[in-house]
Amino acid sequence: MNTDDPKVHFVYNERWQQVAAYRQANGSGVDTHPKEQFVHHNAGHGGFSRVRRVA
C-alpha cells in the first residue's frame, strides 16, 4: 500500500450494515457509481424466519 492507492469510502445504513463502497482515486473526487453494493435480507426479522418454517 502506498500513497498512489485509491481510497475506499464505505456507506452504511441505519442498522450499521455496509451497503456500498465508493472508490476515490488519488487527487480526484469520489466515483459517482459504487465499486460494490450489498443487499441485506430480513430473514428472522420480526421474531420468525421463513427459512425455518419451510425446513
PDB file of N, CA and C in Angstrom:
ATOM      1  N   MET A   1       0.840  -1.173   0.000  1.00  0.00           N
ATOM      2  CA  MET A   1       0.000   0.000   0.000  1.00  0.00           C
ATOM      3  C   MET A   1       0.889   1.241   0.000  1.00  0.00           C
ATOM      4  N   ASN A   2       0.557   2.206  -0.842  1.00  0.00           N
ATOM      5  CA  ASN A   2       1.314   3.458  -0.863  1.00  0.00           C
ATOM      6  C   ASN A   2       0.356   4.617  -1.138  1.00  0.00           C
ATOM      7  N   THR A   3       0.887   5.810  -1.293  1.00  0.00           N
ATOM      8  CA  THR A   3       0.043   6.999  -1.465  1.00  0.00           C
ATOM      9  C   THR A   3      -0.652   7.038  -2.818  1.00  0.00           C
ATOM     10  N   ASP A   4      -0.245   6.211  -3.774  1.00  0.00           N
ATOM     11  CA  ASP A   4      -0.892   6.177  -5.081  1.00  0.00           C
ATOM     12  C   ASP A   4      -2.141   5.300  -5.101  1.00  0.00           C
ATOM     13  N   ASP A   5      -2.337   4.495  -4.064  1.00  0.00           N
ATOM     14  CA  ASP A   5      -3.505   3.621  -3.996  1.00  0.00           C
ATOM     15  C   ASP A   5      -4.771   4.448  -3.773  1.00  0.00           C
ATOM     16  N   PRO A   6      -5.890   4.041  -4.400  1.00  0.00           N
ATOM     17  CA  PRO A   6      -7.137   4.785  -4.197  1.00  0.00           C
ATOM     18  C   PRO A   6      -7.690   4.570  -2.784  1.00  0.00           C
ATOM     19  N   LYS A   7      -8.421   5.561  -2.290  1.00  0.00           N
ATOM     20  CA  LYS A   7      -9.098   5.440  -1.008  1.00  0.00           C
ATOM     21  C   LYS A   7     -10.466   4.812  -1.259  1.00  0.00           C
ATOM     22  N   VAL A   8     -10.986   4.103  -0.278  1.00  0.00           N
ATOM     23  CA  VAL A   8     -12.309   3.500  -0.382  1.00  0.00           C
ATOM     24  C   VAL A   8     -13.172   4.070   0.730  1.00  0.00           C
ATOM     25  N   HIS A   9     -14.358   4.562   0.359  1.00  0.00           N
ATOM     26  CA  HIS A   9     -15.315   5.126   1.319  1.00  0.00           C
ATOM     27  C   HIS A   9     -16.486   4.151   1.437  1.00  0.00           C
ATOM     28  N   PHE A  10     -16.774   3.734   2.671  1.00  0.00           N
ATOM     29  CA  PHE A  10     -17.844   2.776   2.915  1.00  0.00           C
ATOM     30  C   PHE A  10     -19.109   3.503   3.351  1.00  0.00           C
ATOM     31  N   VAL A  11     -20.260   3.017   2.884  1.00  0.00           N
ATOM     32  CA  VAL A  11     -21.561   3.611   3.206  1.00  0.00           C
ATOM     33  C   VAL A  11     -22.360   2.571   3.985  1.00  0.00           C
ATOM     34  N   TYR A  12     -22.995   3.027   5.085  1.00  0.00           N
ATOM     35  CA  TYR A  12     -23.748   2.137   5.959  1.00  0.00           C
ATOM     36  C   TYR A  12     -25.199   2.606   6.067  1.00  0.00           C
ATOM     37  N   ASN A  13     -26.107   1.663   6.337  1.00  0.00           N
ATOM     38  CA  ASN A  13     -27.499   2.034   6.564  1.00  0.00           C
ATOM     39  C   ASN A  13     -27.715   2.313   8.051  1.00  0.00           C
ATOM     40  N   GLU A  14     -28.971   2.543   8.444  1.00  0.00           N
ATOM     41  CA  GLU A  14     -29.278   2.904   9.826  1.00  0.00           C
ATOM     42  C   GLU A  14     -29.015   1.764  10.807  1.00  0.00           C
ATOM     43  N   ARG A  15     -28.866   0.533  10.316  1.00  0.00           N
ATOM     44  CA  ARG A  15     -28.560  -0.617  11.169  1.00  0.00           C
ATOM     45  C   ARG A  15     -27.071  -0.950  11.145  1.00  0.00           C
ATOM     46  N   TRP A  16     -26.263  -0.068  10.620  1.00  0.00           N
ATOM     47  CA  TRP A  16     -24.803  -0.202  10.516  1.00  0.00           C
ATOM     48  C   TRP A  16     -24.389  -1.402   9.667  1.00  0.00           C
ATOM     49  N   GLN A  17     -25.200  -1.710   8.661  1.00  0.00           N
ATOM     50  CA  GLN A  17     -24.828  -2.726   7.687  1.00  0.00           C
ATOM     51  C   GLN A  17     -24.199  -2.018   6.497  1.00  0.00           C
ATOM     52  N   GLN A  18     -23.095  -2.543   6.016  1.00  0.00           N
ATOM     53  CA  GLN A  18     -22.449  -1.929   4.854  1.00  0.00           C
ATOM     54  C   GLN A  18     -23.335  -2.116   3.640  1.00  0.00           C
ATOM     55  N   VAL A  19     -23.608  -1.030   2.915  1.00  0.00           N
ATOM     56  CA  VAL A  19     -24.475  -1.104   1.736  1.00  0.00           C
ATOM     57  C   VAL A  19     -23.753  -0.742   0.442  1.00  0.00           C
ATOM     58  N   ALA A  20     -22.618  -0.060   0.527  1.00  0.00           N
ATOM     59  CA  ALA A  20     -21.887   0.306  -0.689  1.00  0.00           C
ATOM     60  C   ALA A  20     -20.453   0.695  -0.347  1.00  0.00           C
ATOM     61  N   ALA A  21     -19.632   0.669  -1.371  1.00  0.00           N
ATOM     62  CA  ALA A  21     -18.245   1.122  -1.256  1.00  0.00           C
ATOM     63  C   ALA A  21     -17.923   1.949  -2.492  1.00  0.00           C
ATOM     64  N   TYR A  22     -17.442   3.151  -2.266  1.00  0.00           N
ATOM     65  CA  TYR A  22     -17.066   4.059  -3.351  1.00  0.00           C
ATOM     66  C   TYR A  22     -15.557   4.251  -3.348  1.00  0.00           C
ATOM     67  N   ARG A  23     -14.979   4.309  -4.529  1.00  0.00           N
ATOM     68  CA  ARG A  23     -13.539   4.493  -4.665  1.00  0.00           C
ATOM     69  C   ARG A  23     -13.224   5.950  -4.995  1.00  0.00           C
ATOM     70  N   GLN A  24     -12.123   6.438  -4.430  1.00  0.00           N
ATOM     71  CA  GLN A  24     -11.639   7.787  -4.727  1.00  0.00           C
ATOM     72  C   GLN A  24     -10.188   7.679  -5.160  1.00  0.00           C
ATOM     73  N   ALA A  25      -9.946   7.974  -6.433  1.00  0.00           N
ATOM     74  CA  ALA A  25      -8.582   7.950  -6.941  1.00  0.00           C
ATOM     75  C   ALA A  25      -7.795   9.101  -6.332  1.00  0.00           C
ATOM     76  N   ASN A  26      -6.521   8.938  -6.241  1.00  0.00           N
ATOM     77  CA  ASN A  26      -5.657   9.942  -5.626  1.00  0.00           C
ATOM     78  C   ASN A  26      -5.775  11.287  -6.343  1.00  0.00           C
ATOM     79  N   GLY A  27      -6.186  12.318  -5.611  1.00  0.00           N
ATOM     80  CA  GLY A  27      -6.274  13.660  -6.163  1.00  0.00           C
ATOM     81  C   GLY A  27      -7.543  13.947  -6.943  1.00  0.00           C
ATOM     82  N   SER A  28      -8.520  13.057  -6.921  1.00  0.00           N
ATOM     83  CA  SER A  28      -9.762  13.314  -7.652  1.00  0.00           C
ATOM     84  C   SER A  28     -10.958  13.101  -6.732  1.00  0.00           C
ATOM     85  N   GLY A  29     -12.140  13.346  -7.269  1.00  0.00           N
ATOM     86  CA  GLY A  29     -13.363  13.177  -6.490  1.00  0.00           C
ATOM     87  C   GLY A  29     -13.749  11.714  -6.348  1.00  0.00           C
ATOM     88  N   VAL A  30     -14.764  11.489  -5.561  1.00  0.00           N
ATOM     89  CA  VAL A  30     -15.273  10.134  -5.354  1.00  0.00           C
ATOM     90  C   VAL A  30     -16.076   9.716  -6.575  1.00  0.00           C
ATOM     91  N   ASP A  31     -15.964   8.436  -6.966  1.00  0.00           N
ATOM     92  CA  ASP A  31     -16.729   7.913  -8.104  1.00  0.00           C
ATOM     93  C   ASP A  31     -18.219   8.160  -7.902  1.00  0.00           C
ATOM     94  N   THR A  32     -18.944   8.349  -9.000  1.00  0.00           N
ATOM     95  CA  THR A  32     -20.394   8.548  -8.917  1.00  0.00           C
ATOM     96  C   THR A  32     -21.146   7.227  -8.828  1.00  0.00           C
ATOM     97  N   HIS A  33     -20.504   6.138  -9.234  1.00  0.00           N
ATOM     98  CA  HIS A  33     -21.111   4.810  -9.153  1.00  0.00           C
ATOM     99  C   HIS A  33     -20.312   3.970  -8.157  1.00  0.00           C
ATOM    100  N   PRO A  34     -20.998   3.226  -7.295  1.00  0.00           N
ATOM    101  CA  PRO A  34     -20.270   2.443  -6.286  1.00  0.00           C
ATOM    102  C   PRO A  34     -19.433   1.325  -6.900  1.00  0.00           C
ATOM    103  N   LYS A  35     -18.328   1.032  -6.258  1.00  0.00           N
ATOM    104  CA  LYS A  35     -17.474  -0.083  -6.659  1.00  0.00           C
ATOM    105  C   LYS A  35     -18.138  -1.399  -6.278  1.00  0.00           C
ATOM    106  N   GLU A  36     -18.811  -1.406  -5.112  1.00  0.00           N
ATOM    107  CA  GLU A  36     -19.543  -2.574  -4.636  1.00  0.00           C
ATOM    108  C   GLU A  36     -20.872  -2.126  -4.047  1.00  0.00           C
ATOM    109  N   GLN A  37     -21.877  -2.986  -4.121  1.00  0.00           N
ATOM    110  CA  GLN A  37     -23.168  -2.744  -3.475  1.00  0.00           C
ATOM    111  C   GLN A  37     -23.584  -4.026  -2.769  1.00  0.00           C
ATOM    112  N   PHE A  38     -24.237  -3.887  -1.610  1.00  0.00           N
ATOM    113  CA  PHE A  38     -24.662  -5.032  -0.822  1.00  0.00           C
ATOM    114  C   PHE A  38     -26.159  -4.928  -0.564  1.00  0.00           C
ATOM    115  N   VAL A  39     -26.858  -6.060  -0.678  1.00  0.00           N
ATOM    116  CA  VAL A  39     -28.290  -6.116  -0.404  1.00  0.00           C
ATOM    117  C   VAL A  39     -28.482  -7.103   0.739  1.00  0.00           C
ATOM    118  N   HIS A  40     -29.094  -6.645   1.831  1.00  0.00           N
ATOM    119  CA  HIS A  40     -29.313  -7.483   3.001  1.00  0.00           C
ATOM    120  C   HIS A  40     -30.752  -7.957   3.034  1.00  0.00           C
ATOM    121  N   HIS A  41     -30.951  -9.203   3.442  1.00  0.00           N
ATOM    122  CA  HIS A  41     -32.298  -9.753   3.546  1.00  0.00           C
ATOM    123  C   HIS A  41     -32.795  -9.596   4.979  1.00  0.00           C
ATOM    124  N   ASN A  42     -34.052  -9.866   5.217  1.00  0.00           N
ATOM    125  CA  ASN A  42     -34.651  -9.728   6.543  1.00  0.00           C
ATOM    126  C   ASN A  42     -35.016 -11.078   7.146  1.00  0.00           C
ATOM    127  N   ALA A  43     -34.287 -12.130   6.840  1.00  0.00           N
ATOM    128  CA  ALA A  43     -34.582 -13.436   7.424  1.00  0.00           C
ATOM    129  C   ALA A  43     -34.489 -13.333   8.939  1.00  0.00           C
ATOM    130  N   GLY A  44     -35.525 -13.766   9.603  1.00  0.00           N
ATOM    131  CA  GLY A  44     -35.554 -13.695  11.057  1.00  0.00           C
ATOM    132  C   GLY A  44     -36.078 -12.387  11.597  1.00  0.00           C
ATOM    133  N   HIS A  45     -36.346 -11.423  10.742  1.00  0.00           N
ATOM    134  CA  HIS A  45     -36.851 -10.127  11.183  1.00  0.00           C
ATOM    135  C   HIS A  45     -38.266 -10.291  11.729  1.00  0.00           C
ATOM    136  N   GLY A  46     -38.539  -9.733  12.872  1.00  0.00           N
ATOM    137  CA  GLY A  46     -39.868  -9.823  13.472  1.00  0.00           C
ATOM    138  C   GLY A  46     -40.072 -11.078  14.303  1.00  0.00           C
ATOM    139  N   GLY A  47     -38.992 -11.787  14.634  1.00  0.00           N
ATOM    140  CA  GLY A  47     -39.096 -12.926  15.527  1.00  0.00           C
ATOM    141  C   GLY A  47     -39.322 -14.268  14.850  1.00  0.00           C
ATOM    142  N   PHE A  48     -39.414 -14.304  13.538  1.00  0.00           N
ATOM    143  CA  PHE A  48     -39.559 -15.594  12.879  1.00  0.00           C
ATOM    144  C   PHE A  48     -38.743 -15.608  11.600  1.00  0.00           C
ATOM    145  N   SER A  49     -38.446 -16.785  11.155  1.00  0.00           N
ATOM    146  CA  SER A  49     -37.695 -16.933   9.916  1.00  0.00           C
ATOM    147  C   SER A  49     -38.483 -17.821   8.966  1.00  0.00           C
ATOM    148  N   ARG A  50     -38.746 -17.333   7.806  1.00  0.00           N
ATOM    149  CA  ARG A  50     -39.457 -18.107   6.797  1.00  0.00           C
ATOM    150  C   ARG A  50     -38.636 -19.322   6.400  1.00  0.00           C
ATOM    151  N   VAL A  51     -37.307 -19.209   6.444  1.00  0.00           N
ATOM    152  CA  VAL A  51     -36.442 -20.323   6.097  1.00  0.00           C
ATOM    153  C   VAL A  51     -36.688 -21.480   7.064  1.00  0.00           C
ATOM    154  N   ARG A  52     -36.793 -21.198   8.359  1.00  0.00           N
ATOM    155  CA  ARG A  52     -37.062 -22.242   9.347  1.00  0.00           C
ATOM    156  C   ARG A  52     -38.417 -22.875   9.124  1.00  0.00           C
ATOM    157  N   ARG A  53     -39.398 -22.073   8.738  1.00  0.00           N
ATOM    158  CA  ARG A  53     -40.751 -22.577   8.549  1.00  0.00           C
ATOM    159  C   ARG A  53     -40.815 -23.530   7.363  1.00  0.00           C
ATOM    160  N   VAL A  54     -40.044 -23.297   6.325  1.00  0.00           N
ATOM    161  CA  VAL A  54     -40.042 -24.165   5.152  1.00  0.00           C
ATOM    162  C   VAL A  54     -39.350 -25.472   5.484  1.00  0.00           C
ATOM    163  N   ALA A  55     -38.246 -25.402   6.207  1.00  0.00           N
ATOM    164  CA  ALA A  55     -37.497 -26.609   6.585  1.00  0.00           C
ATOM    165  C   ALA A  55     -38.282 -27.346   7.617  1.00  0.00           C
TER     166      ALA A  55
END
